[in-house]
PDB file of N, CA and C in Angstrom:
ATOM      1  N   UNK A   1      37.666 -25.072  -6.197  1.00  0.00           N
ATOM      2  CA  UNK A   1      37.065 -26.063  -4.978  1.00  0.00           C
ATOM      3  C   UNK A   1      37.845 -27.337  -5.347  1.00  0.00           C
ATOM      4  N   UNK A   2      37.998 -27.352  -3.773  1.00  0.00           N
ATOM      5  CA  UNK A   2      39.330 -28.896  -3.941  1.00  0.00           C
ATOM      6  C   UNK A   2      38.244 -30.014  -3.584  1.00  0.00           C
ATOM      7  N   UNK A   3      38.488 -31.073  -4.193  1.00  0.00           N
ATOM      8  CA  UNK A   3      37.820 -32.125  -4.245  1.00  0.00           C
ATOM      9  C   UNK A   3      37.873 -32.812  -3.033  1.00  0.00           C
ATOM     10  N   UNK A   4      36.413 -32.861  -2.208  1.00  0.00           N
ATOM     11  CA  UNK A   4      36.187 -33.706  -0.835  1.00  0.00           C
ATOM     12  C   UNK A   4      35.528 -35.265  -1.102  1.00  0.00           C
ATOM     13  N   UNK A   5      36.375 -36.088  -0.165  1.00  0.00           N
ATOM     14  CA  UNK A   5      36.096 -37.221  -0.916  1.00  0.00           C
ATOM     15  C   UNK A   5      35.245 -37.772   0.391  1.00  0.00           C
ATOM     16  N   UNK A   6      34.298 -39.211   0.223  1.00  0.00           N
ATOM     17  CA  UNK A   6      33.654 -38.966   1.116  1.00  0.00           C
ATOM     18  C   UNK A   6      32.170 -38.829   0.973  1.00  0.00           C
ATOM     19  N   UNK A   7      31.981 -37.901   0.159  1.00  0.00           N
ATOM     20  CA  UNK A   7      30.899 -37.185  -0.515  1.00  0.00           C
ATOM     21  C   UNK A   7      29.544 -38.527  -0.385  1.00  0.00           C
ATOM     22  N   UNK A   8      28.167 -38.082  -0.332  1.00  0.00           N
ATOM     23  CA  UNK A   8      27.392 -39.704   0.420  1.00  0.00           C
ATOM     24  C   UNK A   8      26.985 -40.325  -1.597  1.00  0.00           C
ATOM     25  N   UNK A   9      26.917 -39.240  -2.680  1.00  0.00           N
ATOM     26  CA  UNK A   9      27.035 -39.794  -4.278  1.00  0.00           C
ATOM     27  C   UNK A   9      28.117 -40.592  -4.075  1.00  0.00           C
ATOM     28  N   UNK A  10      29.138 -40.346  -4.002  1.00  0.00           N
ATOM     29  CA  UNK A  10      30.723 -41.034  -3.910  1.00  0.00           C
ATOM     30  C   UNK A  10      30.275 -42.756  -2.820  1.00  0.00           C
ATOM     31  N   UNK A  11      29.862 -42.823  -1.828  1.00  0.00           N
ATOM     32  CA  UNK A  11      29.845 -43.608  -1.207  1.00  0.00           C
ATOM     33  C   UNK A  11      28.965 -44.857  -1.545  1.00  0.00           C
ATOM     34  N   UNK A  12      27.601 -43.842  -2.203  1.00  0.00           N
ATOM     35  CA  UNK A  12      26.410 -44.964  -2.407  1.00  0.00           C
ATOM     36  C   UNK A  12      26.361 -44.406  -3.941  1.00  0.00           C
ATOM     37  N   UNK A  13      26.807 -44.706  -4.947  1.00  0.00           N
ATOM     38  CA  UNK A  13      26.659 -44.341  -6.148  1.00  0.00           C
ATOM     39  C   UNK A  13      25.394 -44.913  -6.587  1.00  0.00           C
ATOM     40  N   UNK A  14      24.982 -45.933  -6.363  1.00  0.00           N
ATOM     41  CA  UNK A  14      23.960 -46.607  -7.016  1.00  0.00           C
ATOM     42  C   UNK A  14      22.711 -46.006  -6.230  1.00  0.00           C
ATOM     43  N   UNK A  15      22.857 -45.220  -5.357  1.00  0.00           N
ATOM     44  CA  UNK A  15      21.407 -44.909  -4.564  1.00  0.00           C
ATOM     45  C   UNK A  15      21.524 -43.349  -4.848  1.00  0.00           C
ATOM     46  N   UNK A  16      22.428 -42.830  -5.837  1.00  0.00           N
ATOM     47  CA  UNK A  16      22.267 -41.246  -5.876  1.00  0.00           C
ATOM     48  C   UNK A  16      21.006 -40.354  -6.391  1.00  0.00           C
ATOM     49  N   UNK A  17      20.208 -40.948  -6.945  1.00  0.00           N
ATOM     50  CA  UNK A  17      18.825 -40.258  -7.555  1.00  0.00           C
ATOM     51  C   UNK A  17      17.707 -40.548  -6.175  1.00  0.00           C
ATOM     52  N   UNK A  18      18.264 -41.929  -5.347  1.00  0.00           N
ATOM     53  CA  UNK A  18      17.121 -42.341  -4.164  1.00  0.00           C
ATOM     54  C   UNK A  18      17.467 -41.122  -3.145  1.00  0.00           C
ATOM     55  N   UNK A  19      19.356 -40.927  -2.874  1.00  0.00           N
ATOM     56  CA  UNK A  19      19.577 -39.711  -1.652  1.00  0.00           C
ATOM     57  C   UNK A  19      19.253 -38.210  -2.464  1.00  0.00           C
ATOM     58  N   UNK A  20      19.002 -38.036  -3.679  1.00  0.00           N
ATOM     59  CA  UNK A  20      18.229 -36.567  -4.146  1.00  0.00           C
ATOM     60  C   UNK A  20      16.973 -36.780  -3.886  1.00  0.00           C
ATOM     61  N   UNK A  21      16.168 -37.599  -3.871  1.00  0.00           N
ATOM     62  CA  UNK A  21      14.798 -38.054  -3.969  1.00  0.00           C
ATOM     63  C   UNK A  21      14.456 -37.683  -2.283  1.00  0.00           C
ATOM     64  N   UNK A  22      15.247 -38.192  -1.155  1.00  0.00           N
ATOM     65  CA  UNK A  22      14.424 -38.610  -0.017  1.00  0.00           C
ATOM     66  C   UNK A  22      15.332 -37.498   0.588  1.00  0.00           C
ATOM     67  N   UNK A  23      16.086 -36.653  -0.058  1.00  0.00           N
ATOM     68  CA  UNK A  23      16.489 -35.766   0.760  1.00  0.00           C
ATOM     69  C   UNK A  23      15.875 -33.967   0.476  1.00  0.00           C
ATOM     70  N   UNK A  24      15.080 -34.655  -0.440  1.00  0.00           N
ATOM     71  CA  UNK A  24      13.541 -33.362  -0.601  1.00  0.00           C
ATOM     72  C   UNK A  24      12.397 -34.134  -0.075  1.00  0.00           C
ATOM     73  N   UNK A  25      12.025 -35.463   0.129  1.00  0.00           N
ATOM     74  CA  UNK A  25      10.445 -35.349   0.117  1.00  0.00           C
ATOM     75  C   UNK A  25      11.028 -36.335   1.963  1.00  0.00           C
ATOM     76  N   UNK A  26      12.038 -36.342   2.717  1.00  0.00           N
ATOM     77  CA  UNK A  26      12.065 -36.793   3.953  1.00  0.00           C
ATOM     78  C   UNK A  26      12.786 -35.887   5.125  1.00  0.00           C
ATOM     79  N   UNK A  27      12.047 -35.483   5.779  1.00  0.00           N
ATOM     80  CA  UNK A  27      13.198 -34.184   7.001  1.00  0.00           C
ATOM     81  C   UNK A  27      14.537 -35.384   7.468  1.00  0.00           C
ATOM     82  N   UNK A  28      13.934 -36.330   8.202  1.00  0.00           N
ATOM     83  CA  UNK A  28      14.433 -36.988   8.999  1.00  0.00           C
ATOM     84  C   UNK A  28      15.926 -37.659   8.109  1.00  0.00           C
ATOM     85  N   UNK A  29      15.761 -38.017   6.569  1.00  0.00           N
ATOM     86  CA  UNK A  29      16.862 -38.442   5.754  1.00  0.00           C
ATOM     87  C   UNK A  29      17.693 -36.955   5.541  1.00  0.00           C
ATOM     88  N   UNK A  30      16.906 -35.891   5.250  1.00  0.00           N
ATOM     89  CA  UNK A  30      17.436 -34.691   4.841  1.00  0.00           C
ATOM     90  C   UNK A  30      18.536 -34.227   6.513  1.00  0.00           C
ATOM     91  N   UNK A  31      17.901 -34.377   7.545  1.00  0.00           N
ATOM     92  CA  UNK A  31      18.897 -34.071   8.488  1.00  0.00           C
ATOM     93  C   UNK A  31      19.580 -34.817   8.742  1.00  0.00           C
ATOM     94  N   UNK A  32      19.984 -36.364   8.923  1.00  0.00           N
ATOM     95  CA  UNK A  32      20.951 -36.850   8.584  1.00  0.00           C
ATOM     96  C   UNK A  32      22.161 -36.433   7.347  1.00  0.00           C
ATOM     97  N   UNK A  33      21.892 -36.814   6.239  1.00  0.00           N
ATOM     98  CA  UNK A  33      22.359 -36.250   4.928  1.00  0.00           C
ATOM     99  C   UNK A  33      23.153 -34.723   5.129  1.00  0.00           C
ATOM    100  N   UNK A  34      22.597 -33.631   5.821  1.00  0.00           N
ATOM    101  CA  UNK A  34      23.079 -32.602   6.822  1.00  0.00           C
ATOM    102  C   UNK A  34      24.041 -33.020   7.740  1.00  0.00           C
ATOM    103  N   UNK A  35      23.420 -33.505   8.356  1.00  0.00           N
ATOM    104  CA  UNK A  35      25.021 -33.881   9.159  1.00  0.00           C
ATOM    105  C   UNK A  35      26.364 -34.447   8.679  1.00  0.00           C
ATOM    106  N   UNK A  36      25.777 -35.000   8.597  1.00  0.00           N
ATOM    107  CA  UNK A  36      26.899 -36.491   7.306  1.00  0.00           C
ATOM    108  C   UNK A  36      27.586 -35.505   6.772  1.00  0.00           C
ATOM    109  N   UNK A  37      27.173 -34.779   5.996  1.00  0.00           N
ATOM    110  CA  UNK A  37      28.371 -33.053   5.123  1.00  0.00           C
ATOM    111  C   UNK A  37      28.508 -32.776   6.022  1.00  0.00           C
ATOM    112  N   UNK A  38      27.921 -32.109   7.059  1.00  0.00           N
ATOM    113  CA  UNK A  38      28.711 -31.110   8.100  1.00  0.00           C
ATOM    114  C   UNK A  38      30.002 -31.632   8.272  1.00  0.00           C
ATOM    115  N   UNK A  39      30.293 -33.053   8.937  1.00  0.00           N
ATOM    116  CA  UNK A  39      31.305 -33.782   9.789  1.00  0.00           C
ATOM    117  C   UNK A  39      31.791 -33.832   8.657  1.00  0.00           C
ATOM    118  N   UNK A  40      31.565 -34.408   7.632  1.00  0.00           N
ATOM    119  CA  UNK A  40      32.761 -34.868   6.086  1.00  0.00           C
ATOM    120  C   UNK A  40      33.197 -33.856   6.028  1.00  0.00           C
ATOM    121  N   UNK A  41      32.870 -32.308   5.819  1.00  0.00           N
ATOM    122  CA  UNK A  41      33.644 -31.086   5.704  1.00  0.00           C
ATOM    123  C   UNK A  41      34.405 -30.779   6.775  1.00  0.00           C
ATOM    124  N   UNK A  42      34.144 -30.855   8.183  1.00  0.00           N
ATOM    125  CA  UNK A  42      35.137 -30.837   9.481  1.00  0.00           C
ATOM    126  C   UNK A  42      36.063 -31.557   9.077  1.00  0.00           C
ATOM    127  N   UNK A  43      36.213 -32.968   8.772  1.00  0.00           N
ATOM    128  CA  UNK A  43      37.068 -34.010   8.856  1.00  0.00           C
ATOM    129  C   UNK A  43      38.088 -33.222   7.973  1.00  0.00           C
ATOM    130  N   UNK A  44      37.459 -32.949   6.575  1.00  0.00           N
ATOM    131  CA  UNK A  44      37.966 -32.447   5.395  1.00  0.00           C
ATOM    132  C   UNK A  44      39.330 -31.568   5.861  1.00  0.00           C
ATOM    133  N   UNK A  45      38.217 -30.730   6.511  1.00  0.00           N
ATOM    134  CA  UNK A  45      39.219 -29.033   7.108  1.00  0.00           C
ATOM    135  C   UNK A  45      40.469 -29.410   7.819  1.00  0.00           C
ATOM    136  N   UNK A  46      40.167 -30.665   8.792  1.00  0.00           N
ATOM    137  CA  UNK A  46      41.522 -31.013   9.649  1.00  0.00           C
ATOM    138  C   UNK A  46      42.483 -31.888   8.919  1.00  0.00           C
ATOM    139  N   UNK A  47      42.196 -32.724   7.727  1.00  0.00           N
ATOM    140  CA  UNK A  47      42.551 -33.174   7.331  1.00  0.00           C
ATOM    141  C   UNK A  47      44.016 -32.502   6.082  1.00  0.00           C
ATOM    142  N   UNK A  48      43.500 -31.604   5.313  1.00  0.00           N
ATOM    143  CA  UNK A  48      43.913 -30.483   4.939  1.00  0.00           C
ATOM    144  C   UNK A  48      44.710 -29.347   5.980  1.00  0.00           C
ATOM    145  N   UNK A  49      44.595 -29.655   7.170  1.00  0.00           N
ATOM    146  CA  UNK A  49      45.044 -28.358   7.748  1.00  0.00           C
ATOM    147  C   UNK A  49      44.561 -26.568   8.113  1.00  0.00           C
ATOM    148  N   UNK A  50      43.387 -26.971   7.326  1.00  0.00           N
ATOM    149  CA  UNK A  50      42.614 -25.226   7.154  1.00  0.00           C
ATOM    150  C   UNK A  50      42.346 -25.377   8.644  1.00  0.00           C
ATOM    151  N   UNK A  51      41.768 -26.315   9.400  1.00  0.00           N
ATOM    152  CA  UNK A  51      41.181 -26.332  10.613  1.00  0.00           C
ATOM    153  C   UNK A  51      42.355 -27.255  11.576  1.00  0.00           C
ATOM    154  N   UNK A  52      42.937 -26.575  12.615  1.00  0.00           N
ATOM    155  CA  UNK A  52      43.441 -27.629  13.271  1.00  0.00           C
ATOM    156  C   UNK A  52      42.829 -28.636  14.393  1.00  0.00           C
ATOM    157  N   UNK A  53      43.424 -29.440  14.972  1.00  0.00           N
ATOM    158  CA  UNK A  53      42.622 -30.501  15.770  1.00  0.00           C
ATOM    159  C   UNK A  53      43.381 -31.492  16.095  1.00  0.00           C
ATOM    160  N   UNK A  54      42.923 -32.000  17.478  1.00  0.00           N
ATOM    161  CA  UNK A  54      44.053 -33.119  17.884  1.00  0.00           C
ATOM    162  C   UNK A  54      43.640 -34.287  17.471  1.00  0.00           C
ATOM    163  N   UNK A  55      44.048 -34.985  17.599  1.00  0.00           N
ATOM    164  CA  UNK A  55      44.124 -36.391  16.941  1.00  0.00           C
ATOM    165  C   UNK A  55      42.491 -37.035  17.457  1.00  0.00           C
ATOM    166  N   UNK A  56      42.619 -37.270  18.421  1.00  0.00           N
ATOM    167  CA  UNK A  56      40.716 -37.388  19.322  1.00  0.00           C
ATOM    168  C   UNK A  56      40.184 -36.916  19.009  1.00  0.00           C
ATOM    169  N   UNK A  57      39.815 -35.686  18.493  1.00  0.00           N
ATOM    170  CA  UNK A  57      38.980 -35.060  18.068  1.00  0.00           C
ATOM    171  C   UNK A  57      38.446 -35.626  16.075  1.00  0.00           C
ATOM    172  N   UNK A  58      39.692 -35.988  15.726  1.00  0.00           N
ATOM    173  CA  UNK A  58      39.504 -36.377  14.835  1.00  0.00           C
ATOM    174  C   UNK A  58      38.790 -37.888  14.598  1.00  0.00           C
ATOM    175  N   UNK A  59      39.382 -38.430  15.536  1.00  0.00           N
ATOM    176  CA  UNK A  59      39.015 -39.439  15.599  1.00  0.00           C
ATOM    177  C   UNK A  59      37.419 -39.568  15.789  1.00  0.00           C
ATOM    178  N   UNK A  60      37.296 -39.049  16.771  1.00  0.00           N
ATOM    179  CA  UNK A  60      35.665 -39.181  17.521  1.00  0.00           C
ATOM    180  C   UNK A  60      34.742 -38.456  15.875  1.00  0.00           C
ATOM    181  N   UNK A  61      35.123 -37.534  15.202  1.00  0.00           N
ATOM    182  CA  UNK A  61      34.855 -37.208  14.260  1.00  0.00           C
ATOM    183  C   UNK A  61      34.168 -38.027  13.003  1.00  0.00           C
ATOM    184  N   UNK A  62      35.599 -38.709  12.979  1.00  0.00           N
ATOM    185  CA  UNK A  62      35.774 -39.954  11.622  1.00  0.00           C
ATOM    186  C   UNK A  62      34.338 -41.551  12.562  1.00  0.00           C
ATOM    187  N   UNK A  63      34.389 -41.685  13.803  1.00  0.00           N
ATOM    188  CA  UNK A  63      33.271 -42.645  14.334  1.00  0.00           C
ATOM    189  C   UNK A  63      31.857 -42.028  14.193  1.00  0.00           C
ATOM    190  N   UNK A  64      32.020 -40.202  14.361  1.00  0.00           N
ATOM    191  CA  UNK A  64      30.062 -39.898  13.849  1.00  0.00           C
ATOM    192  C   UNK A  64      29.997 -39.894  12.317  1.00  0.00           C
ATOM    193  N   UNK A  65      31.157 -40.105  11.669  1.00  0.00           N
ATOM    194  CA  UNK A  65      30.811 -40.162  10.387  1.00  0.00           C
ATOM    195  C   UNK A  65      30.316 -41.315   9.869  1.00  0.00           C
ATOM    196  N   UNK A  66      30.943 -42.571  10.493  1.00  0.00           N
ATOM    197  CA  UNK A  66      30.822 -43.857   9.920  1.00  0.00           C
ATOM    198  C   UNK A  66      29.317 -43.787  10.417  1.00  0.00           C
ATOM    199  N   UNK A  67      28.968 -43.550  11.783  1.00  0.00           N
ATOM    200  CA  UNK A  67      27.963 -43.917  12.498  1.00  0.00           C
ATOM    201  C   UNK A  67      26.569 -43.385  11.427  1.00  0.00           C
ATOM    202  N   UNK A  68      26.704 -42.148  11.165  1.00  0.00           N
ATOM    203  CA  UNK A  68      25.915 -41.457  10.000  1.00  0.00           C
ATOM    204  C   UNK A  68      25.854 -41.968   8.628  1.00  0.00           C
ATOM    205  N   UNK A  69      26.857 -42.843   8.159  1.00  0.00           N
ATOM    206  CA  UNK A  69      26.924 -43.334   7.375  1.00  0.00           C
ATOM    207  C   UNK A  69      26.172 -44.835   7.363  1.00  0.00           C
ATOM    208  N   UNK A  70      26.394 -45.543   8.451  1.00  0.00           N
ATOM    209  CA  UNK A  70      25.407 -46.876   8.836  1.00  0.00           C
ATOM    210  C   UNK A  70      23.818 -46.404   8.658  1.00  0.00           C
ATOM    211  N   UNK A  71      23.655 -45.301   9.649  1.00  0.00           N
ATOM    212  CA  UNK A  71      22.515 -44.834   9.169  1.00  0.00           C
ATOM    213  C   UNK A  71      21.570 -44.676   7.733  1.00  0.00           C
ATOM    214  N   UNK A  72      22.317 -44.096   7.062  1.00  0.00           N
ATOM    215  CA  UNK A  72      22.183 -43.880   6.143  1.00  0.00           C
ATOM    216  C   UNK A  72      22.089 -44.771   5.067  1.00  0.00           C
ATOM    217  N   UNK A  73      22.725 -45.595   5.028  1.00  0.00           N
ATOM    218  CA  UNK A  73      22.898 -47.479   4.352  1.00  0.00           C
ATOM    219  C   UNK A  73      21.763 -47.986   5.070  1.00  0.00           C
ATOM    220  N   UNK A  74      21.242 -47.922   5.942  1.00  0.00           N
ATOM    221  CA  UNK A  74      20.281 -48.538   6.864  1.00  0.00           C
ATOM    222  C   UNK A  74      18.746 -48.219   5.852  1.00  0.00           C
ATOM    223  N   UNK A  75      18.971 -46.693   5.622  1.00  0.00           N
ATOM    224  CA  UNK A  75      17.746 -46.055   5.396  1.00  0.00           C
ATOM    225  C   UNK A  75      17.512 -46.430   3.880  1.00  0.00           C
ATOM    226  N   UNK A  76      18.638 -46.058   2.796  1.00  0.00           N
ATOM    227  CA  UNK A  76      18.642 -46.716   1.930  1.00  0.00           C
ATOM    228  C   UNK A  76      18.655 -47.794   1.294  1.00  0.00           C
ATOM    229  N   UNK A  77      18.167 -49.030   2.273  1.00  0.00           N
ATOM    230  CA  UNK A  77      17.974 -50.490   1.779  1.00  0.00           C
ATOM    231  C   UNK A  77      16.754 -50.332   1.797  1.00  0.00           C
TER     232      UNK A  77
END
């Protein structure tokens, strides 16, 4: 399996345990984390040319990933 950049544990290494705990205990956080992972995987597939996509769509996904990351970061603070 190839390495997927921008995983939550890599983005927030100091909060790895908290991320795991919140994913198990908080439905809203779990939904945010799953959506982040889904968008992140789609971006990775586009970057590696597994899934073709136009540049505009890729930029939209990157903005969506950043917005989710911001929400997760606020949740972790």
